[in-house]
Amino acid sequence: MKMKLFLPVAVFLFALNSCISQKKSTSFEVSSQLLNSPANFASQPEKYLEWQSGQLLDVSEKALMNHSPRLQESMERHMALLMLDAVFHDVEAPNRPSVQEFHKRRTLHALEEMGRILSLL
């Protein structure tokens, strides 16, 4: 009986926390990686695609962290999800270090959230 209640309670607590901790600010700090981008990718298309996917994933992650899921989805969240979709449609995405690092970060974040929710029960 306890396990049957766990998932709905965990989802409810996560959604409640997301609503409470929703940040209103849409300001954005330009990462130093963006400012230090290589001047010329002309003869390095793979290096460019790796750099670009890293930039899109970083910006998307920040937007998703600042704009949690809601019934009325914000434009920032919608755009972040579209950027993720664009990055993940690249056939080489699974092999890109930036994509692998993104998935690792997001997985660790999800595990931390689950642990935090479990500690509240």
PDB file of N, CA and C in Angstrom:
ATOM      1  N   MET A   1       0.823  -1.195   0.000  1.00  0.00           N
ATOM      2  CA  MET A   1       0.000   0.000   0.000  1.00  0.00           C
ATOM      3  C   MET A   1       0.866   1.257   0.000  1.00  0.00           C
ATOM      4  N   LYS A   2       1.946   1.256   0.785  1.00  0.00           N
ATOM      5  CA  LYS A   2       2.812   2.424   0.849  1.00  0.00           C
ATOM      6  C   LYS A   2       3.434   2.745  -0.507  1.00  0.00           C
ATOM      7  N   MET A   3       3.881   1.716  -1.228  1.00  0.00           N
ATOM      8  CA  MET A   3       4.530   1.925  -2.523  1.00  0.00           C
ATOM      9  C   MET A   3       3.556   2.484  -3.555  1.00  0.00           C
ATOM     10  N   LYS A   4       2.271   2.089  -3.469  1.00  0.00           N
ATOM     11  CA  LYS A   4       1.280   2.590  -4.416  1.00  0.00           C
ATOM     12  C   LYS A   4       1.087   4.099  -4.258  1.00  0.00           C
ATOM     13  N   LEU A   5       1.247   4.590  -3.043  1.00  0.00           N
ATOM     14  CA  LEU A   5       1.078   6.012  -2.781  1.00  0.00           C
ATOM     15  C   LEU A   5       2.339   6.817  -3.072  1.00  0.00           C
ATOM     16  N   PHE A   6       3.493   6.151  -3.134  1.00  0.00           N
ATOM     17  CA  PHE A   6       4.758   6.855  -3.271  1.00  0.00           C
ATOM     18  C   PHE A   6       4.825   7.716  -4.536  1.00  0.00           C
ATOM     19  N   LEU A   7       4.553   7.134  -5.702  1.00  0.00           N
ATOM     20  CA  LEU A   7       4.703   7.883  -6.945  1.00  0.00           C
ATOM     21  C   LEU A   7       3.774   9.095  -7.014  1.00  0.00           C
ATOM     22  N   PRO A   8       2.470   8.945  -6.749  1.00  0.00           N
ATOM     23  CA  PRO A   8       1.618  10.134  -6.795  1.00  0.00           C
ATOM     24  C   PRO A   8       2.034  11.206  -5.788  1.00  0.00           C
ATOM     25  N   VAL A   9       2.455  10.782  -4.588  1.00  0.00           N
ATOM     26  CA  VAL A   9       2.883  11.754  -3.578  1.00  0.00           C
ATOM     27  C   VAL A   9       4.160  12.444  -4.030  1.00  0.00           C
ATOM     28  N   ALA A  10       5.113  11.665  -4.574  1.00  0.00           N
ATOM     29  CA  ALA A  10       6.375  12.240  -5.046  1.00  0.00           C
ATOM     30  C   ALA A  10       6.130  13.231  -6.179  1.00  0.00           C
ATOM     31  N   VAL A  11       5.260  12.870  -7.115  1.00  0.00           N
ATOM     32  CA  VAL A  11       4.947  13.778  -8.230  1.00  0.00           C
ATOM     33  C   VAL A  11       4.284  15.047  -7.706  1.00  0.00           C
ATOM     34  N   PHE A  12       3.349  14.888  -6.777  1.00  0.00           N
ATOM     35  CA  PHE A  12       2.673  16.056  -6.206  1.00  0.00           C
ATOM     36  C   PHE A  12       3.670  16.972  -5.507  1.00  0.00           C
ATOM     37  N   LEU A  13       4.555  16.391  -4.683  1.00  0.00           N
ATOM     38  CA  LEU A  13       5.539  17.212  -3.960  1.00  0.00           C
ATOM     39  C   LEU A  13       6.490  17.912  -4.917  1.00  0.00           C
ATOM     40  N   PHE A  14       6.901  17.213  -5.972  1.00  0.00           N
ATOM     41  CA  PHE A  14       7.791  17.825  -6.958  1.00  0.00           C
ATOM     42  C   PHE A  14       7.082  18.989  -7.653  1.00  0.00           C
ATOM     43  N   ALA A  15       5.831  18.774  -8.048  1.00  0.00           N
ATOM     44  CA  ALA A  15       5.075  19.841  -8.720  1.00  0.00           C
ATOM     45  C   ALA A  15       4.848  21.020  -7.783  1.00  0.00           C
ATOM     46  N   LEU A  16       4.537  20.729  -6.526  1.00  0.00           N
ATOM     47  CA  LEU A  16       4.334  21.792  -5.551  1.00  0.00           C
ATOM     48  C   LEU A  16       5.613  22.598  -5.353  1.00  0.00           C
ATOM     49  N   ASN A  17       6.729  21.911  -5.205  1.00  0.00           N
ATOM     50  CA  ASN A  17       8.018  22.581  -5.040  1.00  0.00           C
ATOM     51  C   ASN A  17       8.340  23.432  -6.268  1.00  0.00           C
ATOM     52  N   SER A  18       8.053  22.916  -7.450  1.00  0.00           N
ATOM     53  CA  SER A  18       8.325  23.665  -8.674  1.00  0.00           C
ATOM     54  C   SER A  18       7.514  24.948  -8.734  1.00  0.00           C
ATOM     55  N   CYS A  19       6.255  24.867  -8.307  1.00  0.00           N
ATOM     56  CA  CYS A  19       5.404  26.062  -8.322  1.00  0.00           C
ATOM     57  C   CYS A  19       5.870  27.087  -7.292  1.00  0.00           C
ATOM     58  N   ILE A  20       6.261  26.604  -6.114  1.00  0.00           N
ATOM     59  CA  ILE A  20       6.695  27.506  -5.044  1.00  0.00           C
ATOM     60  C   ILE A  20       8.012  28.186  -5.393  1.00  0.00           C
ATOM     61  N   SER A  21       8.933  27.407  -5.975  1.00  0.00           N
ATOM     62  CA  SER A  21      10.266  27.953  -6.232  1.00  0.00           C
ATOM     63  C   SER A  21      10.398  28.581  -7.607  1.00  0.00           C
ATOM     64  N   GLN A  22       9.291  28.803  -8.296  1.00  0.00           N
ATOM     65  CA  GLN A  22       9.342  29.393  -9.638  1.00  0.00           C
ATOM     66  C   GLN A  22      10.002  30.763  -9.588  1.00  0.00           C
ATOM     67  N   LYS A  23      11.033  30.944 -10.387  1.00  0.00           N
ATOM     68  CA  LYS A  23      11.729  32.224 -10.435  1.00  0.00           C
ATOM     69  C   LYS A  23      11.081  33.091 -11.513  1.00  0.00           C
ATOM     70  N   LYS A  24      10.867  34.328 -11.207  1.00  0.00           N
ATOM     71  CA  LYS A  24      10.216  35.236 -12.145  1.00  0.00           C
ATOM     72  C   LYS A  24      11.197  35.892 -13.107  1.00  0.00           C
ATOM     73  N   SER A  25      12.446  35.926 -12.750  1.00  0.00           N
ATOM     74  CA  SER A  25      13.428  36.637 -13.557  1.00  0.00           C
ATOM     75  C   SER A  25      13.709  35.918 -14.866  1.00  0.00           C
ATOM     76  N   THR A  26      13.738  36.673 -15.941  1.00  0.00           N
ATOM     77  CA  THR A  26      14.103  36.098 -17.223  1.00  0.00           C
ATOM     78  C   THR A  26      15.469  36.612 -17.658  1.00  0.00           C
ATOM     79  N   SER A  27      16.195  37.242 -16.736  1.00  0.00           N
ATOM     80  CA  SER A  27      17.527  37.723 -17.082  1.00  0.00           C
ATOM     81  C   SER A  27      18.440  36.536 -17.307  1.00  0.00           C
ATOM     82  N   PHE A  28      19.492  36.758 -18.046  1.00  0.00           N
ATOM     83  CA  PHE A  28      20.352  35.665 -18.466  1.00  0.00           C
ATOM     84  C   PHE A  28      21.784  36.157 -18.517  1.00  0.00           C
ATOM     85  N   GLU A  29      22.664  35.430 -17.869  1.00  0.00           N
ATOM     86  CA  GLU A  29      24.078  35.778 -17.912  1.00  0.00           C
ATOM     87  C   GLU A  29      24.732  35.041 -19.067  1.00  0.00           C
ATOM     88  N   VAL A  30      25.466  35.747 -19.897  1.00  0.00           N
ATOM     89  CA  VAL A  30      26.161  35.128 -21.017  1.00  0.00           C
ATOM     90  C   VAL A  30      27.331  34.337 -20.458  1.00  0.00           C
ATOM     91  N   SER A  31      27.386  33.070 -20.828  1.00  0.00           N
ATOM     92  CA  SER A  31      28.459  32.230 -20.295  1.00  0.00           C
ATOM     93  C   SER A  31      29.798  32.651 -20.890  1.00  0.00           C
ATOM     94  N   SER A  32      30.846  32.412 -20.135  1.00  0.00           N
ATOM     95  CA  SER A  32      32.183  32.753 -20.620  1.00  0.00           C
ATOM     96  C   SER A  32      32.538  31.912 -21.837  1.00  0.00           C
ATOM     97  N   GLN A  33      31.948  30.721 -21.943  1.00  0.00           N
ATOM     98  CA  GLN A  33      32.208  29.878 -23.108  1.00  0.00           C
ATOM     99  C   GLN A  33      31.706  30.573 -24.383  1.00  0.00           C
ATOM    100  N   LEU A  34      30.561  31.235 -24.296  1.00  0.00           N
ATOM    101  CA  LEU A  34      30.031  31.947 -25.450  1.00  0.00           C
ATOM    102  C   LEU A  34      30.937  33.113 -25.819  1.00  0.00           C
ATOM    103  N   LEU A  35      31.407  33.825 -24.819  1.00  0.00           N
ATOM    104  CA  LEU A  35      32.274  34.963 -25.074  1.00  0.00           C
ATOM    105  C   LEU A  35      33.630  34.534 -25.624  1.00  0.00           C
ATOM    106  N   ASN A  36      34.074  33.336 -25.265  1.00  0.00           N
ATOM    107  CA  ASN A  36      35.376  32.842 -25.706  1.00  0.00           C
ATOM    108  C   ASN A  36      35.262  31.884 -26.885  1.00  0.00           C
ATOM    109  N   SER A  37      34.245  32.050 -27.699  1.00  0.00           N
ATOM    110  CA  SER A  37      34.069  31.141 -28.829  1.00  0.00           C
ATOM    111  C   SER A  37      35.193  31.329 -29.847  1.00  0.00           C
ATOM    112  N   PRO A  38      35.586  30.238 -30.493  1.00  0.00           N
ATOM    113  CA  PRO A  38      36.612  30.355 -31.528  1.00  0.00           C
ATOM    114  C   PRO A  38      36.163  31.293 -32.644  1.00  0.00           C
ATOM    115  N   ALA A  39      37.101  31.998 -33.203  1.00  0.00           N
ATOM    116  CA  ALA A  39      36.785  33.005 -34.220  1.00  0.00           C
ATOM    117  C   ALA A  39      36.372  32.382 -35.543  1.00  0.00           C
ATOM    118  N   ASN A  40      36.893  31.218 -35.864  1.00  0.00           N
ATOM    119  CA  ASN A  40      36.639  30.652 -37.173  1.00  0.00           C
ATOM    120  C   ASN A  40      36.450  29.142 -37.096  1.00  0.00           C
ATOM    121  N   PHE A  41      35.271  28.696 -37.492  1.00  0.00           N
ATOM    122  CA  PHE A  41      34.974  27.268 -37.536  1.00  0.00           C
ATOM    123  C   PHE A  41      34.946  26.762 -38.980  1.00  0.00           C
ATOM    124  N   ALA A  42      35.341  27.595 -39.933  1.00  0.00           N
ATOM    125  CA  ALA A  42      35.181  27.282 -41.353  1.00  0.00           C
ATOM    126  C   ALA A  42      35.686  25.892 -41.726  1.00  0.00           C
ATOM    127  N   SER A  43      36.831  25.505 -41.270  1.00  0.00           N
ATOM    128  CA  SER A  43      37.381  24.203 -41.651  1.00  0.00           C
ATOM    129  C   SER A  43      37.194  23.159 -40.548  1.00  0.00           C
ATOM    130  N   GLN A  44      36.327  23.458 -39.565  1.00  0.00           N
ATOM    131  CA  GLN A  44      36.146  22.557 -38.429  1.00  0.00           C
ATOM    132  C   GLN A  44      34.658  22.352 -38.121  1.00  0.00           C
ATOM    133  N   PRO A  45      33.897  21.766 -39.041  1.00  0.00           N
ATOM    134  CA  PRO A  45      32.451  21.654 -38.810  1.00  0.00           C
ATOM    135  C   PRO A  45      32.087  20.826 -37.583  1.00  0.00           C
ATOM    136  N   GLU A  46      32.822  19.763 -37.287  1.00  0.00           N
ATOM    137  CA  GLU A  46      32.507  18.952 -36.110  1.00  0.00           C
ATOM    138  C   GLU A  46      32.763  19.724 -34.817  1.00  0.00           C
ATOM    139  N   LYS A  47      33.837  20.496 -34.814  1.00  0.00           N
ATOM    140  CA  LYS A  47      34.146  21.310 -33.638  1.00  0.00           C
ATOM    141  C   LYS A  47      33.054  22.359 -33.431  1.00  0.00           C
ATOM    142  N   TYR A  48      32.574  22.940 -34.531  1.00  0.00           N
ATOM    143  CA  TYR A  48      31.500  23.923 -34.449  1.00  0.00           C
ATOM    144  C   TYR A  48      30.222  23.286 -33.901  1.00  0.00           C
ATOM    145  N   LEU A  49      29.846  22.118 -34.420  1.00  0.00           N
ATOM    146  CA  LEU A  49      28.613  21.469 -33.971  1.00  0.00           C
ATOM    147  C   LEU A  49      28.685  21.084 -32.490  1.00  0.00           C
ATOM    148  N   GLU A  50      29.854  20.674 -32.036  1.00  0.00           N
ATOM    149  CA  GLU A  50      30.045  20.370 -30.612  1.00  0.00           C
ATOM    150  C   GLU A  50      29.894  21.643 -29.778  1.00  0.00           C
ATOM    151  N   TRP A  51      30.529  22.719 -30.217  1.00  0.00           N
ATOM    152  CA  TRP A  51      30.437  24.004 -29.507  1.00  0.00           C
ATOM    153  C   TRP A  51      28.990  24.491 -29.484  1.00  0.00           C
ATOM    154  N   GLN A  52      28.333  24.425 -30.645  1.00  0.00           N
ATOM    155  CA  GLN A  52      26.954  24.897 -30.750  1.00  0.00           C
ATOM    156  C   GLN A  52      26.012  24.073 -29.868  1.00  0.00           C
ATOM    157  N   SER A  53      26.153  22.761 -29.883  1.00  0.00           N
ATOM    158  CA  SER A  53      25.269  21.941 -29.058  1.00  0.00           C
ATOM    159  C   SER A  53      25.488  22.250 -27.571  1.00  0.00           C
ATOM    160  N   GLY A  54      26.729  22.481 -27.181  1.00  0.00           N
ATOM    161  CA  GLY A  54      27.001  22.855 -25.796  1.00  0.00           C
ATOM    162  C   GLY A  54      26.327  24.154 -25.419  1.00  0.00           C
ATOM    163  N   GLN A  55      26.385  25.130 -26.307  1.00  0.00           N
ATOM    164  CA  GLN A  55      25.738  26.419 -26.035  1.00  0.00           C
ATOM    165  C   GLN A  55      24.228  26.271 -25.911  1.00  0.00           C
ATOM    166  N   LEU A  56      23.616  25.546 -26.856  1.00  0.00           N
ATOM    167  CA  LEU A  56      22.166  25.366 -26.834  1.00  0.00           C
ATOM    168  C   LEU A  56      21.718  24.589 -25.594  1.00  0.00           C
ATOM    169  N   LEU A  57      22.478  23.573 -25.224  1.00  0.00           N
ATOM    170  CA  LEU A  57      22.115  22.783 -24.045  1.00  0.00           C
ATOM    171  C   LEU A  57      22.249  23.606 -22.769  1.00  0.00           C
ATOM    172  N   ASP A  58      23.296  24.417 -22.654  1.00  0.00           N
ATOM    173  CA  ASP A  58      23.475  25.255 -21.464  1.00  0.00           C
ATOM    174  C   ASP A  58      22.342  26.264 -21.314  1.00  0.00           C
ATOM    175  N   VAL A  59      22.006  26.938 -22.389  1.00  0.00           N
ATOM    176  CA  VAL A  59      20.933  27.937 -22.338  1.00  0.00           C
ATOM    177  C   VAL A  59      19.593  27.269 -22.057  1.00  0.00           C
ATOM    178  N   SER A  60      19.360  26.123 -22.692  1.00  0.00           N
ATOM    179  CA  SER A  60      18.107  25.398 -22.481  1.00  0.00           C
ATOM    180  C   SER A  60      17.970  24.947 -21.034  1.00  0.00           C
ATOM    181  N   GLU A  61      19.057  24.434 -20.485  1.00  0.00           N
ATOM    182  CA  GLU A  61      19.024  23.960 -19.102  1.00  0.00           C
ATOM    183  C   GLU A  61      18.707  25.107 -18.139  1.00  0.00           C
ATOM    184  N   LYS A  62      19.318  26.254 -18.353  1.00  0.00           N
ATOM    185  CA  LYS A  62      19.035  27.416 -17.500  1.00  0.00           C
ATOM    186  C   LYS A  62      17.571  27.832 -17.605  1.00  0.00           C
ATOM    187  N   ALA A  63      17.050  27.844 -18.823  1.00  0.00           N
ATOM    188  CA  ALA A  63      15.649  28.233 -19.012  1.00  0.00           C
ATOM    189  C   ALA A  63      14.710  27.227 -18.351  1.00  0.00           C
ATOM    190  N   LEU A  64      15.009  25.935 -18.482  1.00  0.00           N
ATOM    191  CA  LEU A  64      14.150  24.918 -17.881  1.00  0.00           C
ATOM    192  C   LEU A  64      14.201  24.970 -16.359  1.00  0.00           C
ATOM    193  N   MET A  65      15.361  25.301 -15.809  1.00  0.00           N
ATOM    194  CA  MET A  65      15.478  25.416 -14.357  1.00  0.00           C
ATOM    195  C   MET A  65      14.706  26.636 -13.839  1.00  0.00           C
ATOM    196  N   ASN A  66      14.665  27.700 -14.621  1.00  0.00           N
ATOM    197  CA  ASN A  66      13.989  28.931 -14.208  1.00  0.00           C
ATOM    198  C   ASN A  66      12.501  28.948 -14.539  1.00  0.00           C
ATOM    199  N   HIS A  67      12.066  28.042 -15.402  1.00  0.00           N
ATOM    200  CA  HIS A  67      10.659  28.013 -15.837  1.00  0.00           C
ATOM    201  C   HIS A  67      10.154  26.583 -15.734  1.00  0.00           C
ATOM    202  N   SER A  68       9.669  26.218 -14.561  1.00  0.00           N
ATOM    203  CA  SER A  68       9.196  24.861 -14.317  1.00  0.00           C
ATOM    204  C   SER A  68       7.895  24.594 -15.080  1.00  0.00           C
ATOM    205  N   PRO A  69       7.541  23.311 -15.217  1.00  0.00           N
ATOM    206  CA  PRO A  69       6.310  22.963 -15.950  1.00  0.00           C
ATOM    207  C   PRO A  69       5.078  23.592 -15.305  1.00  0.00           C
ATOM    208  N   ARG A  70       4.191  24.062 -16.141  1.00  0.00           N
ATOM    209  CA  ARG A  70       2.920  24.659 -15.696  1.00  0.00           C
ATOM    210  C   ARG A  70       1.852  24.314 -16.716  1.00  0.00           C
ATOM    211  N   LEU A  71       0.607  24.512 -16.338  1.00  0.00           N
ATOM    212  CA  LEU A  71      -0.469  24.272 -17.297  1.00  0.00           C
ATOM    213  C   LEU A  71      -0.343  25.234 -18.476  1.00  0.00           C
ATOM    214  N   GLN A  72      -0.053  26.479 -18.183  1.00  0.00           N
ATOM    215  CA  GLN A  72       0.160  27.483 -19.223  1.00  0.00           C
ATOM    216  C   GLN A  72       1.670  27.617 -19.412  1.00  0.00           C
ATOM    217  N   GLU A  73       2.211  26.890 -20.382  1.00  0.00           N
ATOM    218  CA  GLU A  73       3.662  26.853 -20.580  1.00  0.00           C
ATOM    219  C   GLU A  73       4.206  28.221 -20.992  1.00  0.00           C
ATOM    220  N   SER A  74       5.308  28.614 -20.373  1.00  0.00           N
ATOM    221  CA  SER A  74       5.921  29.903 -20.720  1.00  0.00           C
ATOM    222  C   SER A  74       6.638  29.800 -22.067  1.00  0.00           C
ATOM    223  N   MET A  75       6.778  30.937 -22.713  1.00  0.00           N
ATOM    224  CA  MET A  75       7.466  30.977 -23.999  1.00  0.00           C
ATOM    225  C   MET A  75       8.920  30.518 -23.834  1.00  0.00           C
ATOM    226  N   GLU A  76       9.564  30.926 -22.729  1.00  0.00           N
ATOM    227  CA  GLU A  76      10.959  30.536 -22.493  1.00  0.00           C
ATOM    228  C   GLU A  76      11.106  29.023 -22.389  1.00  0.00           C
ATOM    229  N   ARG A  77      10.190  28.383 -21.675  1.00  0.00           N
ATOM    230  CA  ARG A  77      10.255  26.921 -21.532  1.00  0.00           C
ATOM    231  C   ARG A  77      10.009  26.240 -22.873  1.00  0.00           C
ATOM    232  N   HIS A  78       9.044  26.729 -23.607  1.00  0.00           N
ATOM    233  CA  HIS A  78       8.733  26.161 -24.923  1.00  0.00           C
ATOM    234  C   HIS A  78       9.948  26.273 -25.855  1.00  0.00           C
ATOM    235  N   MET A  79      10.582  27.427 -25.859  1.00  0.00           N
ATOM    236  CA  MET A  79      11.766  27.618 -26.705  1.00  0.00           C
ATOM    237  C   MET A  79      12.913  26.706 -26.268  1.00  0.00           C
ATOM    238  N   ALA A  80      13.088  26.535 -24.964  1.00  0.00           N
ATOM    239  CA  ALA A  80      14.139  25.650 -24.456  1.00  0.00           C
ATOM    240  C   ALA A  80      13.899  24.210 -24.901  1.00  0.00           C
ATOM    241  N   LEU A  81      12.663  23.770 -24.844  1.00  0.00           N
ATOM    242  CA  LEU A  81      12.344  22.411 -25.282  1.00  0.00           C
ATOM    243  C   LEU A  81      12.576  22.241 -26.779  1.00  0.00           C
ATOM    244  N   LEU A  82      12.263  23.260 -27.552  1.00  0.00           N
ATOM    245  CA  LEU A  82      12.528  23.197 -28.991  1.00  0.00           C
ATOM    246  C   LEU A  82      14.029  23.146 -29.286  1.00  0.00           C
ATOM    247  N   MET A  83      14.824  23.888 -28.506  1.00  0.00           N
ATOM    248  CA  MET A  83      16.275  23.838 -28.687  1.00  0.00           C
ATOM    249  C   MET A  83      16.821  22.460 -28.344  1.00  0.00           C
ATOM    250  N   LEU A  84      16.310  21.853 -27.273  1.00  0.00           N
ATOM    251  CA  LEU A  84      16.728  20.491 -26.934  1.00  0.00           C
ATOM    252  C   LEU A  84      16.388  19.531 -28.070  1.00  0.00           C
ATOM    253  N   ASP A  85      15.194  19.683 -28.603  1.00  0.00           N
ATOM    254  CA  ASP A  85      14.765  18.835 -29.714  1.00  0.00           C
ATOM    255  C   ASP A  85      15.710  18.979 -30.908  1.00  0.00           C
ATOM    256  N   ALA A  86      16.107  20.198 -31.195  1.00  0.00           N
ATOM    257  CA  ALA A  86      17.024  20.428 -32.323  1.00  0.00           C
ATOM    258  C   ALA A  86      18.375  19.759 -32.091  1.00  0.00           C
ATOM    259  N   VAL A  87      18.900  19.887 -30.893  1.00  0.00           N
ATOM    260  CA  VAL A  87      20.198  19.267 -30.580  1.00  0.00           C
ATOM    261  C   VAL A  87      20.095  17.752 -30.658  1.00  0.00           C
ATOM    262  N   PHE A  88      19.036  17.179 -30.087  1.00  0.00           N
ATOM    263  CA  PHE A  88      18.928  15.724 -30.008  1.00  0.00           C
ATOM    264  C   PHE A  88      18.584  15.070 -31.344  1.00  0.00           C
ATOM    265  N   HIS A  89      18.136  15.855 -32.319  1.00  0.00           N
ATOM    266  CA  HIS A  89      17.859  15.288 -33.639  1.00  0.00           C
ATOM    267  C   HIS A  89      19.120  15.103 -34.484  1.00  0.00           C
ATOM    268  N   ASP A  90      20.215  15.661 -34.068  1.00  0.00           N
ATOM    269  CA  ASP A  90      21.487  15.434 -34.751  1.00  0.00           C
ATOM    270  C   ASP A  90      21.854  13.964 -34.582  1.00  0.00           C
ATOM    271  N   VAL A  91      22.126  13.261 -35.690  1.00  0.00           N
ATOM    272  CA  VAL A  91      22.429  11.831 -35.596  1.00  0.00           C
ATOM    273  C   VAL A  91      23.687  11.556 -34.780  1.00  0.00           C
ATOM    274  N   GLU A  92      24.568  12.533 -34.684  1.00  0.00           N
ATOM    275  CA  GLU A  92      25.797  12.367 -33.902  1.00  0.00           C
ATOM    276  C   GLU A  92      25.648  12.830 -32.454  1.00  0.00           C
ATOM    277  N   ALA A  93      24.462  13.301 -32.076  1.00  0.00           N
ATOM    278  CA  ALA A  93      24.259  13.827 -30.719  1.00  0.00           C
ATOM    279  C   ALA A  93      24.690  12.861 -29.617  1.00  0.00           C
ATOM    280  N   PRO A  94      24.361  11.573 -29.698  1.00  0.00           N
ATOM    281  CA  PRO A  94      24.771  10.677 -28.607  1.00  0.00           C
ATOM    282  C   PRO A  94      26.291  10.585 -28.422  1.00  0.00           C
ATOM    283  N   ASN A  95      27.039  10.914 -29.462  1.00  0.00           N
ATOM    284  CA  ASN A  95      28.497  10.834 -29.390  1.00  0.00           C
ATOM    285  C   ASN A  95      29.156  12.143 -28.974  1.00  0.00           C
ATOM    286  N   ARG A  96      28.389  13.200 -28.890  1.00  0.00           N
ATOM    287  CA  ARG A  96      28.962  14.502 -28.564  1.00  0.00           C
ATOM    288  C   ARG A  96      29.189  14.634 -27.054  1.00  0.00           C
ATOM    289  N   PRO A  97      30.379  15.053 -26.637  1.00  0.00           N
ATOM    290  CA  PRO A  97      30.658  15.229 -25.197  1.00  0.00           C
ATOM    291  C   PRO A  97      29.680  16.186 -24.510  1.00  0.00           C
ATOM    292  N   SER A  98      29.267  17.234 -25.197  1.00  0.00           N
ATOM    293  CA  SER A  98      28.342  18.192 -24.573  1.00  0.00           C
ATOM    294  C   SER A  98      26.994  17.545 -24.280  1.00  0.00           C
ATOM    295  N   VAL A  99      26.531  16.678 -25.166  1.00  0.00           N
ATOM    296  CA  VAL A  99      25.248  15.995 -24.967  1.00  0.00           C
ATOM    297  C   VAL A  99      25.377  14.975 -23.834  1.00  0.00           C
ATOM    298  N   GLN A 100      26.468  14.241 -23.821  1.00  0.00           N
ATOM    299  CA  GLN A 100      26.693  13.262 -22.757  1.00  0.00           C
ATOM    300  C   GLN A 100      26.766  13.948 -21.394  1.00  0.00           C
ATOM    301  N   GLU A 101      27.466  15.073 -21.337  1.00  0.00           N
ATOM    302  CA  GLU A 101      27.585  15.820 -20.080  1.00  0.00           C
ATOM    303  C   GLU A 101      26.230  16.379 -19.649  1.00  0.00           C
ATOM    304  N   PHE A 102      25.432  16.854 -20.597  1.00  0.00           N
ATOM    305  CA  PHE A 102      24.090  17.359 -20.304  1.00  0.00           C
ATOM    306  C   PHE A 102      23.249  16.267 -19.658  1.00  0.00           C
ATOM    307  N   HIS A 103      23.232  15.089 -20.277  1.00  0.00           N
ATOM    308  CA  HIS A 103      22.434  13.983 -19.735  1.00  0.00           C
ATOM    309  C   HIS A 103      22.928  13.564 -18.356  1.00  0.00           C
ATOM    310  N   LYS A 104      24.226  13.572 -18.159  1.00  0.00           N
ATOM    311  CA  LYS A 104      24.787  13.229 -16.852  1.00  0.00           C
ATOM    312  C   LYS A 104      24.332  14.236 -15.796  1.00  0.00           C
ATOM    313  N   ARG A 105      24.442  15.545 -16.125  1.00  0.00           N
ATOM    314  CA  ARG A 105      24.023  16.603 -15.190  1.00  0.00           C
ATOM    315  C   ARG A 105      22.546  16.488 -14.843  1.00  0.00           C
ATOM    316  N   ARG A 106      21.718  16.292 -15.858  1.00  0.00           N
ATOM    317  CA  ARG A 106      20.270  16.230 -15.636  1.00  0.00           C
ATOM    318  C   ARG A 106      19.889  14.992 -14.835  1.00  0.00           C
ATOM    319  N   THR A 107      20.553  13.863 -15.088  1.00  0.00           N
ATOM    320  CA  THR A 107      20.281  12.640 -14.338  1.00  0.00           C
ATOM    321  C   THR A 107      20.652  12.819 -12.871  1.00  0.00           C
ATOM    322  N   LEU A 108      21.828  13.402 -12.622  1.00  0.00           N
ATOM    323  CA  LEU A 108      22.251  13.644 -11.243  1.00  0.00           C
ATOM    324  C   LEU A 108      21.305  14.612 -10.539  1.00  0.00           C
ATOM    325  N   HIS A 109      20.853  15.632 -11.258  1.00  0.00           N
ATOM    326  CA  HIS A 109      19.903  16.587 -10.680  1.00  0.00           C
ATOM    327  C   HIS A 109      18.591  15.880 -10.325  1.00  0.00           C
ATOM    328  N   ALA A 110      18.103  15.017 -11.205  1.00  0.00           N
ATOM    329  CA  ALA A 110      16.856  14.289 -10.939  1.00  0.00           C
ATOM    330  C   ALA A 110      17.013  13.389  -9.718  1.00  0.00           C
ATOM    331  N   LEU A 111      18.151  12.721  -9.605  1.00  0.00           N
ATOM    332  CA  LEU A 111      18.399  11.865  -8.442  1.00  0.00           C
ATOM    333  C   LEU A 111      18.442  12.680  -7.151  1.00  0.00           C
ATOM    334  N   GLU A 112      19.057  13.855  -7.196  1.00  0.00           N
ATOM    335  CA  GLU A 112      19.096  14.735  -6.023  1.00  0.00           C
ATOM    336  C   GLU A 112      17.692  15.170  -5.625  1.00  0.00           C
ATOM    337  N   GLU A 113      16.877  15.525  -6.602  1.00  0.00           N
ATOM    338  CA  GLU A 113      15.496  15.935  -6.329  1.00  0.00           C
ATOM    339  C   GLU A 113      14.704  14.801  -5.710  1.00  0.00           C
ATOM    340  N   MET A 114      14.862  13.588  -6.258  1.00  0.00           N
ATOM    341  CA  MET A 114      14.154  12.440  -5.712  1.00  0.00           C
ATOM    342  C   MET A 114      14.584  12.167  -4.277  1.00  0.00           C
ATOM    343  N   GLY A 115      15.881  12.277  -4.020  1.00  0.00           N
ATOM    344  CA  GLY A 115      16.380  12.075  -2.665  1.00  0.00           C
ATOM    345  C   GLY A 115      15.849  13.115  -1.711  1.00  0.00           C
ATOM    346  N   ARG A 116      15.774  14.353  -2.190  1.00  0.00           N
ATOM    347  CA  ARG A 116      15.238  15.432  -1.353  1.00  0.00           C
ATOM    348  C   ARG A 116      13.761  15.184  -1.040  1.00  0.00           C
ATOM    349  N   ILE A 117      13.009  14.748  -2.022  1.00  0.00           N
ATOM    350  CA  ILE A 117      11.579  14.464  -1.824  1.00  0.00           C
ATOM    351  C   ILE A 117      11.402  13.285  -0.868  1.00  0.00           C
ATOM    352  N   LEU A 118      12.212  12.248  -1.046  1.00  0.00           N
ATOM    353  CA  LEU A 118      12.123  11.095  -0.153  1.00  0.00           C
ATOM    354  C   LEU A 118      12.428  11.468   1.287  1.00  0.00           C
ATOM    355  N   SER A 119      13.344  12.401   1.466  1.00  0.00           N
ATOM    356  CA  SER A 119      13.688  12.817   2.832  1.00  0.00           C
ATOM    357  C   SER A 119      12.548  13.573   3.497  1.00  0.00           C
ATOM    358  N   LEU A 120      11.627  14.108   2.720  1.00  0.00           N
ATOM    359  CA  LEU A 120      10.478  14.819   3.266  1.00  0.00           C
ATOM    360  C   LEU A 120       9.373  13.870   3.718  1.00  0.00           C
ATOM    361  N   LEU A 121       9.397  12.644   3.214  1.00  0.00           N
ATOM    362  CA  LEU A 121       8.312  11.690   3.536  1.00  0.00           C
ATOM    363  C   LEU A 121       8.474  11.080   4.902  1.00  0.00           C
TER     364      LEU A 121
END
